[in-house]
N, C-alpha and C. Protein backbone atom coordinates (compact mmCIF):
# COMPACT_ATOMS: atom_id res chain seq x y z
N UNK A 1 18.65 7.07 -3.84
CA UNK A 1 19.29 8.33 -4.12
C UNK A 1 18.38 9.46 -3.67
N UNK A 2 18.90 10.33 -2.83
CA UNK A 2 18.16 11.49 -2.37
C UNK A 2 18.85 12.75 -2.86
N UNK A 3 18.09 13.64 -3.50
CA UNK A 3 18.64 14.90 -3.97
C UNK A 3 18.15 16.01 -3.05
N UNK A 4 19.08 16.83 -2.58
CA UNK A 4 18.74 17.95 -1.71
C UNK A 4 19.29 19.22 -2.35
N UNK A 5 18.42 20.20 -2.58
CA UNK A 5 18.83 21.47 -3.14
C UNK A 5 19.46 22.30 -2.01
N UNK A 6 20.74 22.61 -2.15
CA UNK A 6 21.47 23.35 -1.11
C UNK A 6 21.35 24.86 -1.31
N UNK A 7 21.42 25.31 -2.56
CA UNK A 7 21.37 26.76 -2.81
C UNK A 7 20.76 27.03 -4.18
N UNK A 8 20.11 28.17 -4.30
CA UNK A 8 19.59 28.62 -5.59
C UNK A 8 19.93 30.09 -5.74
N UNK A 9 20.25 30.46 -6.96
CA UNK A 9 20.56 31.85 -7.25
C UNK A 9 19.93 32.20 -8.60
N UNK A 10 19.07 33.21 -8.59
CA UNK A 10 18.44 33.66 -9.82
C UNK A 10 19.45 34.46 -10.64
N UNK A 11 19.48 34.20 -11.94
CA UNK A 11 20.32 34.96 -12.85
C UNK A 11 19.41 35.51 -13.95
N UNK A 12 18.83 36.71 -13.74
CA UNK A 12 17.86 37.24 -14.70
C UNK A 12 18.46 37.60 -16.05
N UNK A 13 19.75 37.91 -16.10
CA UNK A 13 20.38 38.24 -17.37
C UNK A 13 20.39 37.04 -18.32
N UNK A 14 20.71 35.87 -17.78
CA UNK A 14 20.74 34.65 -18.60
C UNK A 14 19.44 33.86 -18.51
N UNK A 15 18.46 34.36 -17.77
CA UNK A 15 17.15 33.74 -17.62
C UNK A 15 17.26 32.31 -17.12
N UNK A 16 17.97 32.15 -16.01
CA UNK A 16 18.15 30.82 -15.43
C UNK A 16 18.28 30.93 -13.92
N UNK A 17 18.16 29.76 -13.28
CA UNK A 17 18.41 29.62 -11.85
C UNK A 17 19.61 28.69 -11.71
N UNK A 18 20.61 29.14 -10.98
CA UNK A 18 21.80 28.34 -10.74
C UNK A 18 21.61 27.60 -9.42
N UNK A 19 21.69 26.28 -9.46
CA UNK A 19 21.33 25.42 -8.33
C UNK A 19 22.54 24.63 -7.86
N UNK A 20 22.78 24.66 -6.55
CA UNK A 20 23.76 23.78 -5.93
C UNK A 20 23.02 22.65 -5.25
N UNK A 21 23.45 21.41 -5.47
CA UNK A 21 22.73 20.27 -4.91
C UNK A 21 23.69 19.26 -4.30
N UNK A 22 23.12 18.43 -3.43
CA UNK A 22 23.84 17.33 -2.81
C UNK A 22 23.02 16.07 -2.99
N UNK A 23 23.70 14.98 -3.32
CA UNK A 23 23.05 13.68 -3.48
C UNK A 23 23.65 12.73 -2.46
N UNK A 24 22.79 12.02 -1.76
CA UNK A 24 23.24 11.00 -0.82
C UNK A 24 22.77 9.66 -1.35
N UNK A 25 23.75 8.80 -1.70
CA UNK A 25 23.43 7.46 -2.17
C UNK A 25 23.44 6.49 -0.99
N UNK A 26 22.89 5.32 -1.23
CA UNK A 26 22.97 4.27 -0.22
C UNK A 26 24.41 3.78 -0.09
N UNK A 27 24.72 3.02 0.95
CA UNK A 27 26.11 2.61 1.19
C UNK A 27 26.70 1.72 0.09
N UNK A 28 25.89 0.98 -0.62
CA UNK A 28 26.40 0.09 -1.67
C UNK A 28 26.12 0.61 -3.08
N UNK A 29 25.58 1.81 -3.20
CA UNK A 29 25.24 2.36 -4.51
C UNK A 29 26.42 3.08 -5.13
N UNK A 30 26.47 3.07 -6.45
CA UNK A 30 27.52 3.81 -7.16
C UNK A 30 27.07 5.26 -7.38
N UNK A 31 27.98 6.08 -7.86
CA UNK A 31 27.65 7.47 -8.18
C UNK A 31 26.59 7.47 -9.28
N UNK A 32 25.52 8.23 -9.10
CA UNK A 32 24.44 8.21 -10.09
C UNK A 32 24.89 8.84 -11.42
N UNK A 33 24.25 8.41 -12.49
CA UNK A 33 24.57 8.94 -13.80
C UNK A 33 23.97 10.33 -13.96
N UNK A 34 24.55 11.10 -14.85
CA UNK A 34 24.15 12.48 -15.07
C UNK A 34 22.67 12.60 -15.44
N UNK A 35 22.16 11.69 -16.28
CA UNK A 35 20.75 11.76 -16.70
C UNK A 35 19.79 11.50 -15.54
N UNK A 36 20.16 10.59 -14.64
CA UNK A 36 19.34 10.33 -13.47
C UNK A 36 19.28 11.57 -12.56
N UNK A 37 20.43 12.21 -12.39
CA UNK A 37 20.50 13.40 -11.56
C UNK A 37 19.72 14.53 -12.19
N UNK A 38 19.82 14.66 -13.50
CA UNK A 38 19.10 15.70 -14.24
C UNK A 38 17.60 15.58 -13.99
N UNK A 39 17.06 14.37 -14.07
CA UNK A 39 15.63 14.14 -13.84
C UNK A 39 15.26 14.43 -12.39
N UNK A 40 16.12 14.04 -11.46
CA UNK A 40 15.83 14.27 -10.04
C UNK A 40 15.85 15.76 -9.70
N UNK A 41 16.79 16.50 -10.25
CA UNK A 41 16.84 17.95 -10.02
C UNK A 41 15.62 18.62 -10.64
N UNK A 42 15.20 18.15 -11.82
CA UNK A 42 14.01 18.71 -12.47
C UNK A 42 12.77 18.50 -11.60
N UNK A 43 12.65 17.35 -10.96
CA UNK A 43 11.52 17.08 -10.07
C UNK A 43 11.57 18.01 -8.87
N UNK A 44 12.76 18.18 -8.28
CA UNK A 44 12.89 19.06 -7.12
C UNK A 44 12.58 20.51 -7.46
N UNK A 45 12.97 20.94 -8.66
CA UNK A 45 12.75 22.33 -9.08
C UNK A 45 11.40 22.53 -9.76
N UNK A 46 10.64 21.45 -9.90
CA UNK A 46 9.30 21.49 -10.50
C UNK A 46 9.32 22.08 -11.91
N UNK A 47 10.17 21.50 -12.75
CA UNK A 47 10.29 21.92 -14.15
C UNK A 47 10.56 20.70 -15.02
N UNK A 48 10.55 20.89 -16.32
CA UNK A 48 10.85 19.80 -17.24
C UNK A 48 12.35 19.53 -17.28
N UNK A 49 12.73 18.28 -17.49
CA UNK A 49 14.16 17.95 -17.47
C UNK A 49 14.90 18.42 -18.72
N UNK A 50 14.19 18.87 -19.76
CA UNK A 50 14.86 19.38 -20.95
C UNK A 50 15.41 20.79 -20.74
N UNK A 51 15.03 21.47 -19.67
CA UNK A 51 15.53 22.81 -19.36
C UNK A 51 16.57 22.78 -18.23
N UNK A 52 16.99 21.58 -17.82
CA UNK A 52 17.98 21.43 -16.74
C UNK A 52 19.28 20.92 -17.34
N UNK A 53 20.37 21.58 -16.99
CA UNK A 53 21.70 21.17 -17.46
C UNK A 53 22.62 21.04 -16.25
N UNK A 54 23.19 19.84 -16.07
CA UNK A 54 24.13 19.58 -14.99
C UNK A 54 25.50 20.08 -15.43
N UNK A 55 26.06 21.04 -14.68
CA UNK A 55 27.37 21.59 -15.03
C UNK A 55 28.49 20.64 -14.58
N UNK A 56 28.47 20.24 -13.32
CA UNK A 56 29.45 19.28 -12.84
C UNK A 56 28.95 18.59 -11.57
N UNK A 57 29.52 17.40 -11.33
CA UNK A 57 29.22 16.62 -10.13
C UNK A 57 30.54 16.03 -9.63
N UNK A 58 30.70 16.01 -8.32
CA UNK A 58 31.90 15.42 -7.73
C UNK A 58 31.49 14.59 -6.51
N UNK A 59 32.00 13.36 -6.46
CA UNK A 59 31.77 12.50 -5.30
C UNK A 59 33.03 12.53 -4.45
N UNK A 60 32.86 12.81 -3.18
CA UNK A 60 34.01 12.82 -2.29
C UNK A 60 34.53 11.40 -2.11
N UNK A 61 35.82 11.25 -2.17
CA UNK A 61 36.45 9.94 -2.08
C UNK A 61 36.12 9.27 -0.75
N UNK A 62 35.70 8.02 -0.83
CA UNK A 62 35.41 7.25 0.37
C UNK A 62 34.06 7.54 1.00
N UNK A 63 33.23 8.36 0.34
CA UNK A 63 31.91 8.66 0.89
C UNK A 63 30.84 8.32 -0.13
N UNK A 64 29.60 8.49 0.27
CA UNK A 64 28.48 8.29 -0.63
C UNK A 64 27.75 9.61 -0.86
N UNK A 65 28.50 10.72 -0.84
CA UNK A 65 27.92 12.05 -1.00
C UNK A 65 28.49 12.69 -2.26
N UNK A 66 27.59 13.18 -3.10
CA UNK A 66 27.98 13.86 -4.34
C UNK A 66 27.48 15.29 -4.29
N UNK A 67 28.34 16.24 -4.61
CA UNK A 67 27.97 17.65 -4.71
C UNK A 67 28.01 18.05 -6.17
N UNK A 68 27.10 18.94 -6.57
CA UNK A 68 27.08 19.37 -7.96
C UNK A 68 26.41 20.70 -8.15
N UNK A 69 26.50 21.18 -9.40
CA UNK A 69 25.90 22.44 -9.80
C UNK A 69 25.11 22.20 -11.08
N UNK A 70 23.92 22.78 -11.13
CA UNK A 70 23.06 22.66 -12.31
C UNK A 70 22.50 24.03 -12.66
N UNK A 71 22.17 24.21 -13.93
CA UNK A 71 21.48 25.41 -14.39
C UNK A 71 20.08 25.01 -14.84
N UNK A 72 19.07 25.71 -14.31
CA UNK A 72 17.68 25.46 -14.67
C UNK A 72 17.19 26.70 -15.43
N UNK A 73 16.89 26.52 -16.70
CA UNK A 73 16.50 27.63 -17.56
C UNK A 73 15.00 27.82 -17.60
N UNK A 74 14.58 29.05 -17.94
CA UNK A 74 13.16 29.36 -18.08
C UNK A 74 12.57 28.70 -19.32
N UNK A 75 13.39 28.53 -20.37
CA UNK A 75 12.91 27.90 -21.60
C UNK A 75 14.04 27.08 -22.23
N UNK A 76 13.66 26.12 -23.05
CA UNK A 76 14.63 25.26 -23.72
C UNK A 76 15.42 26.08 -24.74
N UNK A 77 14.75 27.01 -25.42
CA UNK A 77 15.43 27.85 -26.42
C UNK A 77 16.53 28.68 -25.78
N UNK A 78 16.28 29.23 -24.60
CA UNK A 78 17.28 30.02 -23.89
C UNK A 78 18.46 29.14 -23.49
N UNK A 79 18.18 27.92 -23.07
CA UNK A 79 19.24 26.99 -22.68
C UNK A 79 20.16 26.68 -23.85
N UNK A 80 19.59 26.42 -25.01
CA UNK A 80 20.39 26.10 -26.19
C UNK A 80 21.20 27.31 -26.65
N UNK A 81 20.72 28.50 -26.39
CA UNK A 81 21.42 29.72 -26.75
C UNK A 81 22.63 29.98 -25.84
N UNK A 82 22.49 29.67 -24.56
CA UNK A 82 23.50 30.03 -23.56
C UNK A 82 24.51 28.92 -23.29
N UNK A 83 24.05 27.70 -23.13
CA UNK A 83 24.94 26.61 -22.73
C UNK A 83 25.93 26.25 -23.83
N UNK A 84 27.19 26.00 -23.47
CA UNK A 84 28.17 25.56 -24.47
C UNK A 84 27.79 24.21 -25.07
N UNK A 85 28.27 23.96 -26.26
CA UNK A 85 27.90 22.74 -26.98
C UNK A 85 28.31 21.47 -26.22
N UNK A 86 29.48 21.47 -25.58
CA UNK A 86 29.92 20.27 -24.88
C UNK A 86 29.03 19.96 -23.67
N UNK A 87 28.49 20.98 -23.01
CA UNK A 87 27.57 20.75 -21.90
C UNK A 87 26.24 20.20 -22.44
N UNK A 88 25.79 20.70 -23.56
CA UNK A 88 24.56 20.20 -24.17
C UNK A 88 24.71 18.73 -24.54
N UNK A 89 25.86 18.34 -25.08
CA UNK A 89 26.10 16.95 -25.45
C UNK A 89 26.12 16.04 -24.23
N UNK A 90 26.75 16.52 -23.14
CA UNK A 90 26.81 15.73 -21.90
C UNK A 90 25.43 15.47 -21.32
N UNK A 91 24.52 16.40 -21.48
CA UNK A 91 23.23 16.33 -20.82
C UNK A 91 22.13 15.72 -21.67
N UNK A 92 22.46 15.26 -22.88
CA UNK A 92 21.47 14.61 -23.73
C UNK A 92 21.81 13.13 -23.83
N UNK A 93 20.78 12.28 -23.90
CA UNK A 93 21.03 10.84 -23.97
C UNK A 93 21.82 10.49 -25.23
N UNK A 94 22.70 9.51 -25.11
CA UNK A 94 23.49 9.05 -26.24
C UNK A 94 22.62 8.28 -27.21
N UNK A 95 22.80 8.53 -28.49
CA UNK A 95 22.07 7.79 -29.52
C UNK A 95 22.89 6.57 -29.92
N UNK A 96 22.21 5.47 -30.11
CA UNK A 96 22.93 4.25 -30.47
C UNK A 96 23.30 4.29 -31.95
N UNK A 97 24.32 3.51 -32.32
CA UNK A 97 24.77 3.48 -33.69
C UNK A 97 23.88 2.63 -34.58
N UNK A 98 22.91 1.95 -34.00
CA UNK A 98 22.02 1.06 -34.75
C UNK A 98 20.89 1.81 -35.44
N UNK A 99 20.85 3.13 -35.31
CA UNK A 99 19.76 3.90 -35.88
C UNK A 99 20.03 4.30 -37.34
N UNK A 100 20.89 3.55 -38.02
CA UNK A 100 21.19 3.85 -39.41
C UNK A 100 19.98 3.48 -40.29
N UNK A 101 19.72 4.23 -41.36
CA UNK A 101 18.59 3.91 -42.22
C UNK A 101 18.80 2.60 -42.96
N UNK A 102 17.72 1.90 -43.20
CA UNK A 102 17.80 0.57 -43.84
C UNK A 102 17.82 0.66 -45.33
């Protein structure tokens, strides 16, 4: 999986950078999961993955190319203040049901 940053736009009002990216998978690879993409975008943008939120990703039918948009915030607190709750849930790892207290 190769991540290429296509465009960046600074948004000083919301204290974030809006990033357009493209992912090229190998011919036999499936569409990457959101958490994998989040970590890859964080590496490309040289920031922690807790301040990166993937807004959406789309794979073109019949190809191995995925286009998407992510928001990279200056701080985690700002991200939690601005991002909608459903986007925050999508971008955090799922907790298993086995974590019930004994």
